Every structure is written in structure tokens, then in C-alpha cells.
N, C-alpha and C. Protein backbone atom coordinates (compact mmCIF):
# COMPACT_ATOMS: atom_id res chain seq x y z
N MET A 1 -10.36 -11.75 -9.19
CA MET A 1 -9.91 -10.65 -8.36
C MET A 1 -10.14 -10.99 -6.89
N LEU A 2 -9.15 -10.67 -6.07
CA LEU A 2 -9.23 -10.98 -4.65
C LEU A 2 -10.14 -9.99 -3.92
N SER A 3 -10.86 -10.50 -2.94
CA SER A 3 -11.69 -9.63 -2.10
C SER A 3 -10.77 -8.79 -1.21
N LYS A 4 -11.34 -7.76 -0.62
CA LYS A 4 -10.57 -6.90 0.27
C LYS A 4 -10.02 -7.71 1.46
N ALA A 5 -10.84 -8.59 1.99
CA ALA A 5 -10.41 -9.43 3.11
C ALA A 5 -9.27 -10.35 2.70
N GLU A 6 -9.36 -10.94 1.50
CA GLU A 6 -8.29 -11.83 1.04
C GLU A 6 -7.01 -11.04 0.76
N MET A 7 -7.14 -9.83 0.26
CA MET A 7 -5.96 -8.98 0.04
C MET A 7 -5.28 -8.67 1.38
N LYS A 8 -6.06 -8.41 2.41
CA LYS A 8 -5.51 -8.13 3.75
C LYS A 8 -4.82 -9.38 4.29
N ARG A 9 -5.44 -10.53 4.09
CA ARG A 9 -4.85 -11.79 4.55
C ARG A 9 -3.51 -12.04 3.85
N GLN A 10 -3.46 -11.81 2.54
CA GLN A 10 -2.22 -11.98 1.78
C GLN A 10 -1.15 -11.00 2.29
N HIS A 11 -1.56 -9.77 2.57
CA HIS A 11 -0.63 -8.77 3.11
C HIS A 11 -0.04 -9.25 4.44
N ILE A 12 -0.89 -9.78 5.30
CA ILE A 12 -0.43 -10.28 6.60
C ILE A 12 0.57 -11.42 6.40
N LEU A 13 0.27 -12.34 5.49
CA LEU A 13 1.17 -13.48 5.26
C LEU A 13 2.49 -13.04 4.65
N LYS A 14 2.46 -12.10 3.72
CA LYS A 14 3.71 -11.56 3.15
C LYS A 14 4.53 -10.88 4.22
N CYS A 15 3.86 -10.08 5.06
CA CYS A 15 4.56 -9.40 6.14
C CYS A 15 5.08 -10.40 7.18
N GLY A 16 4.30 -11.43 7.47
CA GLY A 16 4.75 -12.46 8.40
C GLY A 16 6.01 -13.16 7.90
N THR A 17 6.02 -13.45 6.62
CA THR A 17 7.21 -14.07 6.01
C THR A 17 8.40 -13.14 6.12
N ALA A 18 8.21 -11.89 5.72
CA ALA A 18 9.30 -10.91 5.77
C ALA A 18 9.79 -10.70 7.20
N TYR A 19 8.85 -10.65 8.15
CA TYR A 19 9.22 -10.44 9.55
C TYR A 19 10.14 -11.55 10.05
N VAL A 20 9.74 -12.79 9.80
CA VAL A 20 10.55 -13.91 10.26
C VAL A 20 11.91 -13.91 9.58
N LEU A 21 11.95 -13.60 8.29
CA LEU A 21 13.22 -13.58 7.58
C LEU A 21 14.13 -12.45 8.08
N GLU A 22 13.55 -11.33 8.47
CA GLU A 22 14.35 -10.20 8.98
C GLU A 22 14.78 -10.39 10.43
N HIS A 23 13.90 -10.94 11.24
CA HIS A 23 14.18 -11.08 12.67
C HIS A 23 14.49 -12.54 12.94
N ASN A 24 13.59 -13.22 13.51
CA ASN A 24 13.69 -14.67 13.63
C ASN A 24 12.34 -15.22 14.03
N PHE A 25 12.24 -16.51 13.97
CA PHE A 25 10.97 -17.17 14.21
C PHE A 25 10.46 -16.92 15.63
N HIS A 26 11.36 -16.93 16.60
CA HIS A 26 10.95 -16.79 17.99
C HIS A 26 10.48 -15.38 18.32
N ALA A 27 10.85 -14.39 17.52
CA ALA A 27 10.43 -13.01 17.75
C ALA A 27 9.02 -12.75 17.23
N LEU A 28 8.47 -13.68 16.49
CA LEU A 28 7.15 -13.50 15.90
C LEU A 28 6.07 -13.59 16.97
N THR A 29 5.37 -12.47 17.16
CA THR A 29 4.20 -12.43 18.04
C THR A 29 3.10 -11.72 17.25
N LEU A 30 1.87 -11.86 17.71
CA LEU A 30 0.77 -11.17 17.04
C LEU A 30 0.96 -9.65 17.13
N ASP A 31 1.39 -9.16 18.29
CA ASP A 31 1.63 -7.72 18.44
C ASP A 31 2.73 -7.24 17.49
N ALA A 32 3.84 -7.98 17.45
CA ALA A 32 4.96 -7.58 16.59
C ALA A 32 4.56 -7.58 15.12
N LEU A 33 3.81 -8.59 14.71
CA LEU A 33 3.40 -8.67 13.31
C LEU A 33 2.39 -7.57 12.96
N ALA A 34 1.46 -7.30 13.86
CA ALA A 34 0.49 -6.23 13.59
C ALA A 34 1.22 -4.91 13.39
N SER A 35 2.19 -4.63 14.22
CA SER A 35 2.97 -3.40 14.10
C SER A 35 3.76 -3.40 12.79
N TYR A 36 4.42 -4.50 12.50
CA TYR A 36 5.24 -4.61 11.29
C TYR A 36 4.38 -4.45 10.02
N ALA A 37 3.19 -5.03 10.04
CA ALA A 37 2.30 -4.99 8.87
C ALA A 37 1.51 -3.68 8.80
N GLU A 38 1.65 -2.87 9.86
CA GLU A 38 0.96 -1.59 9.95
C GLU A 38 -0.56 -1.76 9.87
N ILE A 39 -1.03 -2.72 10.67
CA ILE A 39 -2.47 -2.95 10.80
C ILE A 39 -2.78 -3.06 12.29
N SER A 40 -4.04 -2.97 12.62
CA SER A 40 -4.42 -3.12 14.02
C SER A 40 -4.31 -4.58 14.42
N LYS A 41 -4.12 -4.80 15.71
CA LYS A 41 -4.07 -6.17 16.20
C LYS A 41 -5.42 -6.85 15.97
N GLY A 42 -6.51 -6.07 16.10
CA GLY A 42 -7.84 -6.63 15.84
C GLY A 42 -7.98 -7.09 14.40
N GLY A 43 -7.40 -6.33 13.46
CA GLY A 43 -7.43 -6.72 12.05
C GLY A 43 -6.67 -8.01 11.82
N LEU A 44 -5.56 -8.16 12.53
CA LEU A 44 -4.76 -9.39 12.43
C LEU A 44 -5.54 -10.56 13.03
N ILE A 45 -6.13 -10.34 14.20
CA ILE A 45 -6.84 -11.41 14.89
C ILE A 45 -8.09 -11.84 14.11
N TYR A 46 -8.67 -10.95 13.33
CA TYR A 46 -9.80 -11.33 12.49
C TYR A 46 -9.41 -12.46 11.54
N HIS A 47 -8.20 -12.39 11.00
CA HIS A 47 -7.72 -13.41 10.05
C HIS A 47 -7.02 -14.58 10.75
N PHE A 48 -6.30 -14.26 11.82
CA PHE A 48 -5.52 -15.27 12.54
C PHE A 48 -5.73 -15.06 14.04
N PRO A 49 -6.71 -15.78 14.63
CA PRO A 49 -7.10 -15.51 16.01
C PRO A 49 -6.03 -15.82 17.07
N ASN A 50 -5.01 -16.60 16.70
CA ASN A 50 -3.94 -16.90 17.65
C ASN A 50 -2.67 -17.24 16.86
N LYS A 51 -1.59 -17.42 17.59
CA LYS A 51 -0.30 -17.66 16.94
C LYS A 51 -0.30 -18.98 16.16
N ASN A 52 -0.96 -20.01 16.68
CA ASN A 52 -1.01 -21.27 15.94
C ASN A 52 -1.72 -21.11 14.60
N ALA A 53 -2.81 -20.34 14.58
CA ALA A 53 -3.51 -20.09 13.31
C ALA A 53 -2.61 -19.32 12.36
N LEU A 54 -1.85 -18.39 12.89
CA LEU A 54 -0.90 -17.63 12.06
C LEU A 54 0.18 -18.56 11.51
N LEU A 55 0.72 -19.42 12.35
CA LEU A 55 1.76 -20.35 11.90
C LEU A 55 1.23 -21.30 10.83
N LYS A 56 0.03 -21.80 11.02
CA LYS A 56 -0.57 -22.66 10.00
C LYS A 56 -0.76 -21.87 8.71
N GLY A 57 -1.22 -20.62 8.82
CA GLY A 57 -1.38 -19.78 7.64
C GLY A 57 -0.06 -19.56 6.94
N LEU A 58 1.01 -19.31 7.70
CA LEU A 58 2.33 -19.13 7.10
C LEU A 58 2.82 -20.41 6.44
N ALA A 59 2.62 -21.56 7.10
CA ALA A 59 3.03 -22.83 6.52
C ALA A 59 2.31 -23.07 5.20
N ASP A 60 1.00 -22.84 5.19
CA ASP A 60 0.22 -23.03 3.96
C ASP A 60 0.68 -22.05 2.88
N TYR A 61 0.93 -20.82 3.27
CA TYR A 61 1.36 -19.78 2.32
C TYR A 61 2.70 -20.15 1.68
N ILE A 62 3.64 -20.59 2.50
CA ILE A 62 4.96 -20.99 1.97
C ILE A 62 4.81 -22.17 1.03
N PHE A 63 3.98 -23.15 1.41
CA PHE A 63 3.82 -24.30 0.53
C PHE A 63 3.07 -23.94 -0.75
N GLU A 64 2.12 -23.01 -0.67
CA GLU A 64 1.44 -22.54 -1.89
C GLU A 64 2.44 -21.88 -2.83
N GLN A 65 3.35 -21.08 -2.28
CA GLN A 65 4.39 -20.46 -3.11
C GLN A 65 5.25 -21.54 -3.76
N TYR A 66 5.64 -22.51 -2.97
CA TYR A 66 6.47 -23.60 -3.46
C TYR A 66 5.76 -24.36 -4.58
N THR A 67 4.50 -24.69 -4.36
CA THR A 67 3.71 -25.42 -5.35
C THR A 67 3.55 -24.61 -6.63
N LYS A 68 3.32 -23.32 -6.49
CA LYS A 68 3.20 -22.45 -7.67
C LYS A 68 4.52 -22.45 -8.45
N GLN A 69 5.64 -22.32 -7.75
CA GLN A 69 6.95 -22.35 -8.42
C GLN A 69 7.13 -23.70 -9.13
N PHE A 70 6.77 -24.78 -8.46
CA PHE A 70 6.89 -26.12 -9.04
C PHE A 70 6.13 -26.21 -10.36
N HIS A 71 4.88 -25.77 -10.36
CA HIS A 71 4.07 -25.84 -11.58
C HIS A 71 4.56 -24.86 -12.64
N ASP A 72 4.98 -23.67 -12.24
CA ASP A 72 5.51 -22.70 -13.19
C ASP A 72 6.78 -23.21 -13.87
N PHE A 73 7.69 -23.78 -13.08
CA PHE A 73 8.92 -24.31 -13.67
C PHE A 73 8.61 -25.46 -14.63
N ALA A 74 7.67 -26.31 -14.28
CA ALA A 74 7.30 -27.42 -15.18
C ALA A 74 6.69 -26.88 -16.47
N ALA A 75 5.83 -25.87 -16.35
CA ALA A 75 5.18 -25.30 -17.54
C ALA A 75 6.20 -24.64 -18.48
N GLN A 76 7.28 -24.12 -17.93
CA GLN A 76 8.29 -23.44 -18.74
C GLN A 76 9.28 -24.40 -19.39
N ASP A 77 9.28 -25.64 -18.96
CA ASP A 77 10.25 -26.62 -19.45
C ASP A 77 9.74 -27.24 -20.75
N PRO A 78 10.44 -27.03 -21.88
CA PRO A 78 9.97 -27.56 -23.15
C PRO A 78 10.22 -29.06 -23.34
N VAL A 79 11.06 -29.65 -22.49
CA VAL A 79 11.40 -31.07 -22.63
C VAL A 79 10.51 -31.87 -21.67
N THR A 80 9.69 -32.75 -22.23
CA THR A 80 8.73 -33.50 -21.44
C THR A 80 9.40 -34.45 -20.45
N LYS A 81 10.36 -35.23 -20.93
CA LYS A 81 11.00 -36.22 -20.07
C LYS A 81 11.77 -35.52 -18.95
N GLY A 82 11.37 -35.81 -17.72
CA GLY A 82 12.06 -35.30 -16.56
C GLY A 82 11.67 -33.89 -16.13
N LYS A 83 10.67 -33.28 -16.80
CA LYS A 83 10.37 -31.88 -16.50
C LYS A 83 9.84 -31.69 -15.08
N TRP A 84 9.06 -32.66 -14.58
CA TRP A 84 8.52 -32.52 -13.22
C TRP A 84 9.63 -32.66 -12.18
N THR A 85 10.57 -33.52 -12.45
CA THR A 85 11.70 -33.68 -11.53
C THR A 85 12.59 -32.44 -11.57
N ARG A 86 12.82 -31.90 -12.75
CA ARG A 86 13.59 -30.64 -12.85
C ARG A 86 12.84 -29.50 -12.16
N ALA A 87 11.52 -29.50 -12.30
CA ALA A 87 10.72 -28.47 -11.62
C ALA A 87 10.86 -28.60 -10.11
N LEU A 88 10.87 -29.82 -9.61
CA LEU A 88 11.07 -30.05 -8.18
C LEU A 88 12.44 -29.50 -7.74
N ILE A 89 13.45 -29.78 -8.52
CA ILE A 89 14.80 -29.30 -8.20
C ILE A 89 14.82 -27.77 -8.18
N LYS A 90 14.27 -27.15 -9.23
CA LYS A 90 14.29 -25.68 -9.31
C LYS A 90 13.44 -25.04 -8.22
N ALA A 91 12.27 -25.59 -7.95
CA ALA A 91 11.41 -25.04 -6.90
C ALA A 91 12.09 -25.17 -5.54
N SER A 92 12.76 -26.27 -5.31
CA SER A 92 13.46 -26.48 -4.04
C SER A 92 14.63 -25.51 -3.91
N GLN A 93 15.35 -25.32 -5.00
CA GLN A 93 16.46 -24.36 -4.96
C GLN A 93 15.93 -22.95 -4.67
N TRP A 94 14.85 -22.58 -5.35
CA TRP A 94 14.24 -21.27 -5.11
C TRP A 94 13.81 -21.15 -3.64
N ASP A 95 13.17 -22.20 -3.12
CA ASP A 95 12.67 -22.18 -1.75
C ASP A 95 13.81 -22.07 -0.75
N LEU A 96 14.87 -22.84 -0.94
CA LEU A 96 16.01 -22.77 -0.04
C LEU A 96 16.65 -21.38 -0.07
N ASP A 97 16.70 -20.78 -1.24
CA ASP A 97 17.28 -19.44 -1.36
C ASP A 97 16.40 -18.36 -0.75
N ASN A 98 15.07 -18.58 -0.72
CA ASN A 98 14.15 -17.52 -0.30
C ASN A 98 13.46 -17.74 1.04
N ASN A 99 13.23 -18.97 1.42
CA ASN A 99 12.40 -19.22 2.61
C ASN A 99 13.06 -20.12 3.65
N ALA A 100 14.32 -20.41 3.52
CA ALA A 100 14.94 -21.39 4.42
C ALA A 100 14.76 -21.03 5.89
N LYS A 101 14.95 -19.77 6.22
CA LYS A 101 14.85 -19.36 7.62
C LYS A 101 13.42 -19.57 8.15
N LEU A 102 12.44 -19.26 7.34
CA LEU A 102 11.06 -19.45 7.74
C LEU A 102 10.73 -20.94 7.84
N ASN A 103 11.26 -21.72 6.93
CA ASN A 103 11.02 -23.17 6.98
C ASN A 103 11.54 -23.79 8.27
N VAL A 104 12.61 -23.24 8.82
CA VAL A 104 13.14 -23.75 10.09
C VAL A 104 12.06 -23.60 11.17
N GLY A 105 11.45 -22.44 11.22
CA GLY A 105 10.40 -22.20 12.21
C GLY A 105 9.20 -23.08 12.01
N ILE A 106 8.79 -23.24 10.78
CA ILE A 106 7.63 -24.09 10.48
C ILE A 106 7.93 -25.54 10.84
N MET A 107 9.15 -25.97 10.55
CA MET A 107 9.52 -27.33 10.89
C MET A 107 9.52 -27.52 12.41
N ALA A 108 10.05 -26.54 13.12
CA ALA A 108 10.11 -26.64 14.58
C ALA A 108 8.70 -26.71 15.18
N ILE A 109 7.82 -25.83 14.73
CA ILE A 109 6.48 -25.81 15.29
C ILE A 109 5.70 -27.06 14.88
N SER A 110 5.98 -27.61 13.71
CA SER A 110 5.26 -28.81 13.27
C SER A 110 5.61 -30.02 14.14
N MET A 111 6.77 -29.98 14.77
CA MET A 111 7.12 -31.07 15.68
C MET A 111 6.26 -31.00 16.95
N LEU A 112 5.85 -29.78 17.30
CA LEU A 112 4.98 -29.60 18.46
C LEU A 112 3.52 -29.86 18.11
N ASP A 113 3.14 -29.51 16.88
CA ASP A 113 1.75 -29.66 16.44
C ASP A 113 1.74 -30.16 15.00
N PRO A 114 1.81 -31.48 14.79
CA PRO A 114 1.89 -32.04 13.44
C PRO A 114 0.72 -31.65 12.54
N ALA A 115 -0.40 -31.27 13.11
CA ALA A 115 -1.56 -30.88 12.29
C ALA A 115 -1.25 -29.67 11.43
N LEU A 116 -0.27 -28.86 11.84
CA LEU A 116 0.09 -27.67 11.07
C LEU A 116 0.57 -28.02 9.66
N THR A 117 1.13 -29.19 9.49
CA THR A 117 1.71 -29.53 8.20
C THR A 117 0.97 -30.63 7.45
N ASN A 118 -0.23 -30.98 7.89
CA ASN A 118 -0.98 -32.03 7.20
C ASN A 118 -1.23 -31.71 5.74
N GLU A 119 -1.67 -30.48 5.44
CA GLU A 119 -1.94 -30.09 4.06
C GLU A 119 -0.66 -30.10 3.23
N MET A 120 0.45 -29.64 3.82
CA MET A 120 1.71 -29.65 3.10
C MET A 120 2.11 -31.08 2.77
N SER A 121 1.90 -31.98 3.70
CA SER A 121 2.25 -33.38 3.47
C SER A 121 1.45 -33.96 2.31
N LYS A 122 0.15 -33.67 2.27
CA LYS A 122 -0.68 -34.15 1.17
C LYS A 122 -0.23 -33.55 -0.16
N GLY A 123 0.09 -32.27 -0.15
CA GLY A 123 0.56 -31.61 -1.36
C GLY A 123 1.89 -32.18 -1.84
N TYR A 124 2.76 -32.48 -0.89
CA TYR A 124 4.05 -33.04 -1.28
C TYR A 124 3.90 -34.45 -1.83
N GLU A 125 2.92 -35.18 -1.34
CA GLU A 125 2.64 -36.51 -1.91
C GLU A 125 2.22 -36.38 -3.37
N GLN A 126 1.43 -35.35 -3.70
CA GLN A 126 1.03 -35.13 -5.09
C GLN A 126 2.24 -34.78 -5.95
N ILE A 127 3.15 -34.00 -5.41
CA ILE A 127 4.38 -33.67 -6.14
C ILE A 127 5.18 -34.94 -6.38
N GLN A 128 5.29 -35.79 -5.36
CA GLN A 128 6.01 -37.05 -5.52
C GLN A 128 5.38 -37.90 -6.62
N GLN A 129 4.05 -37.93 -6.68
CA GLN A 129 3.36 -38.70 -7.72
C GLN A 129 3.70 -38.16 -9.10
N GLN A 130 3.76 -36.83 -9.24
CA GLN A 130 4.13 -36.23 -10.53
C GLN A 130 5.55 -36.68 -10.92
N VAL A 131 6.45 -36.64 -9.95
CA VAL A 131 7.84 -37.01 -10.20
C VAL A 131 7.94 -38.47 -10.61
N GLU A 132 7.17 -39.33 -9.96
CA GLU A 132 7.22 -40.77 -10.29
C GLU A 132 6.70 -41.07 -11.69
N LYS A 133 5.82 -40.21 -12.23
CA LYS A 133 5.25 -40.42 -13.57
C LYS A 133 5.94 -39.52 -14.61
N ASP A 134 7.20 -39.25 -14.41
CA ASP A 134 7.91 -38.24 -15.19
C ASP A 134 8.69 -38.79 -16.38
N SER A 135 8.37 -39.97 -16.84
CA SER A 135 9.09 -40.61 -17.94
C SER A 135 10.55 -40.90 -17.59
N LEU A 136 10.85 -40.84 -16.31
CA LEU A 136 12.17 -41.24 -15.82
C LEU A 136 11.97 -42.54 -15.08
N ASN A 137 13.05 -43.24 -14.84
CA ASN A 137 12.98 -44.40 -13.97
C ASN A 137 12.49 -43.88 -12.61
N PRO A 138 11.38 -44.43 -12.07
CA PRO A 138 10.84 -43.91 -10.82
C PRO A 138 11.82 -43.99 -9.64
N VAL A 139 12.71 -44.97 -9.69
CA VAL A 139 13.71 -45.09 -8.63
C VAL A 139 14.69 -43.92 -8.73
N ASP A 140 15.15 -43.62 -9.95
CA ASP A 140 16.07 -42.49 -10.14
C ASP A 140 15.40 -41.18 -9.72
N ALA A 141 14.14 -41.00 -10.13
CA ALA A 141 13.42 -39.77 -9.77
C ALA A 141 13.27 -39.67 -8.26
N SER A 142 13.01 -40.78 -7.60
CA SER A 142 12.87 -40.77 -6.14
C SER A 142 14.20 -40.51 -5.45
N ILE A 143 15.28 -41.04 -6.01
CA ILE A 143 16.62 -40.76 -5.46
C ILE A 143 16.90 -39.25 -5.55
N ILE A 144 16.54 -38.64 -6.67
CA ILE A 144 16.73 -37.20 -6.82
C ILE A 144 15.90 -36.46 -5.77
N ARG A 145 14.65 -36.87 -5.60
CA ARG A 145 13.78 -36.24 -4.60
C ARG A 145 14.36 -36.38 -3.20
N LEU A 146 14.86 -37.55 -2.89
CA LEU A 146 15.44 -37.77 -1.56
C LEU A 146 16.73 -36.97 -1.38
N ALA A 147 17.50 -36.78 -2.44
CA ALA A 147 18.69 -35.92 -2.37
C ALA A 147 18.28 -34.48 -2.08
N ILE A 148 17.19 -34.03 -2.71
CA ILE A 148 16.66 -32.69 -2.44
C ILE A 148 16.24 -32.60 -0.97
N ASP A 149 15.56 -33.63 -0.48
CA ASP A 149 15.17 -33.64 0.94
C ASP A 149 16.42 -33.54 1.82
N GLY A 150 17.48 -34.24 1.44
CA GLY A 150 18.72 -34.18 2.21
C GLY A 150 19.32 -32.78 2.22
N LEU A 151 19.23 -32.07 1.09
CA LEU A 151 19.70 -30.68 1.07
C LEU A 151 18.90 -29.84 2.06
N TYR A 152 17.59 -30.03 2.05
CA TYR A 152 16.74 -29.31 3.00
C TYR A 152 17.14 -29.61 4.44
N TYR A 153 17.23 -30.88 4.77
CA TYR A 153 17.51 -31.23 6.16
C TYR A 153 18.87 -30.72 6.61
N SER A 154 19.88 -30.81 5.76
CA SER A 154 21.19 -30.32 6.17
C SER A 154 21.15 -28.80 6.37
N GLU A 155 20.41 -28.10 5.51
CA GLU A 155 20.26 -26.65 5.65
C GLU A 155 19.44 -26.30 6.87
N LEU A 156 18.26 -26.88 6.97
CA LEU A 156 17.31 -26.48 7.99
C LEU A 156 17.73 -26.89 9.39
N LEU A 157 18.40 -28.03 9.50
CA LEU A 157 18.84 -28.49 10.82
C LEU A 157 20.28 -28.11 11.10
N ASN A 158 20.90 -27.39 10.18
CA ASN A 158 22.29 -26.96 10.31
C ASN A 158 23.21 -28.15 10.57
N MET A 159 22.97 -29.22 9.80
CA MET A 159 23.78 -30.43 9.91
C MET A 159 24.75 -30.48 8.73
N ALA A 160 25.89 -29.85 8.92
CA ALA A 160 26.93 -29.76 7.88
C ALA A 160 26.34 -29.31 6.55
N PRO A 161 25.65 -28.16 6.52
CA PRO A 161 25.09 -27.70 5.25
C PRO A 161 26.19 -27.41 4.24
N LEU A 162 25.87 -27.64 2.99
CA LEU A 162 26.83 -27.40 1.93
C LEU A 162 27.00 -25.89 1.72
N ASP A 163 28.23 -25.48 1.37
CA ASP A 163 28.38 -24.08 1.02
C ASP A 163 27.67 -23.84 -0.31
N LYS A 164 27.36 -22.60 -0.59
CA LYS A 164 26.52 -22.27 -1.74
C LYS A 164 27.11 -22.81 -3.05
N ASN A 165 28.41 -22.73 -3.23
CA ASN A 165 29.04 -23.21 -4.45
C ASN A 165 28.85 -24.72 -4.63
N LEU A 166 29.08 -25.48 -3.58
CA LEU A 166 28.91 -26.93 -3.67
C LEU A 166 27.44 -27.29 -3.85
N ARG A 167 26.56 -26.58 -3.14
CA ARG A 167 25.13 -26.85 -3.29
C ARG A 167 24.69 -26.63 -4.74
N GLU A 168 25.18 -25.59 -5.38
CA GLU A 168 24.84 -25.34 -6.79
C GLU A 168 25.35 -26.46 -7.68
N LYS A 169 26.53 -26.98 -7.38
CA LYS A 169 27.07 -28.09 -8.17
C LYS A 169 26.23 -29.36 -7.98
N VAL A 170 25.79 -29.60 -6.76
CA VAL A 170 24.93 -30.76 -6.50
C VAL A 170 23.62 -30.61 -7.26
N ILE A 171 23.04 -29.43 -7.23
CA ILE A 171 21.78 -29.19 -7.93
C ILE A 171 21.98 -29.35 -9.44
N LYS A 172 23.10 -28.87 -9.94
CA LYS A 172 23.39 -29.04 -11.37
C LYS A 172 23.49 -30.52 -11.73
N LYS A 173 24.15 -31.30 -10.88
CA LYS A 173 24.30 -32.74 -11.13
C LYS A 173 22.94 -33.44 -11.07
N LEU A 174 22.12 -33.07 -10.10
CA LEU A 174 20.77 -33.66 -10.03
C LEU A 174 19.96 -33.33 -11.27
N THR A 175 20.10 -32.11 -11.75
CA THR A 175 19.39 -31.71 -12.97
C THR A 175 19.87 -32.52 -14.17
N GLU A 176 21.17 -32.74 -14.26
CA GLU A 176 21.73 -33.56 -15.35
C GLU A 176 21.17 -34.98 -15.31
N MET A 177 20.89 -35.48 -14.13
CA MET A 177 20.38 -36.84 -13.98
C MET A 177 18.95 -36.96 -14.55
N THR A 178 18.28 -35.83 -14.82
CA THR A 178 16.92 -35.88 -15.34
C THR A 178 16.89 -35.92 -16.85
N LYS A 179 18.01 -35.89 -17.50
CA LYS A 179 18.03 -35.82 -18.97
C LYS A 179 18.44 -37.14 -19.59
């Protein structure tokens, strides 16, 4: 069971995510989030003393959600061969559908302060290791992972992103490659 303080922290992170998705990354301020979350600014500052701490908290929160989805999808997959790679594909699809706008902000701020994404980088390395040991040819699994990265970059950087129909077809093809 979560402590009262941890429940408040989770509330702030959920509200921070929703705020950025509703407004935009640049509109996020401590004052705006405190108002949106219906808490005092002091309550917010107790958990996140400045905007960088909040951004790091949001980055960690988004990656925790992603990692949870990754493990949940793998646990639900009855076919052992390729299940981690399929989980990566499904978790990435879920993330792009739910957090893409927030990921843009996190990516932008990480270019200014790379320390914000150190934990995410370590976590993603662990995911890559799972994919490489997935009873698939590690080169094929890595190609699938890099294709997923390409979907992210085209979406997040607005570099000729695929329309939703084509993106779904690409994801379906990547999934077929895991069988």
C-alpha cells in the first residue's frame, strides 16, 4: 500500500502528464500544475522543488509506465519465442498512442540536461537485452527495435510521421517478423 506522500506524488505525476497532453509542454509551470492538480504550490514543491525535478519525475513516471506495459504484454503472451520483442512493439504502440506529446517535451529537455534521462537509458538497455535473448535471431530482433525507434523519431520530431493506418500496418508487419 502506498503512503499518503507517495499517493500525492503519483497524483502530481498523473496530473502533470494530463496537463502536458491537454495544453503543451511549454505551458507547464509549477504554478499551473499546482492549480491543475488542485493542490497548494507548497505541496507540489515538497515533492518537486523545481521544474527540472518535476521534469525528471515525469520522465521517470512515463518510463515506469512503459516498462510496466512491456512486462505486462510479455506476461500475457503465451508464445515464448519472440514474446519480449512483441511486448516491445505493443508497449511502444501503446506509448505512442498515449504519451507521444509528453515524450516530445521530455526529449527536448533531455537535450538540455542529459541527466534527466540517465535512468531511462539504463532501463532501455535492459529491455534491449531481453529482446536480444528472445529466441529470435538477435539481428532480426534488433532491426525490429530500431524500426520501433524510427517510428518514435518520425513521430516525436515530426519528420514525415506515418499516418495512423500505415503505422498500424508497419506494427503488424513487425509483429509478424517475431513469429
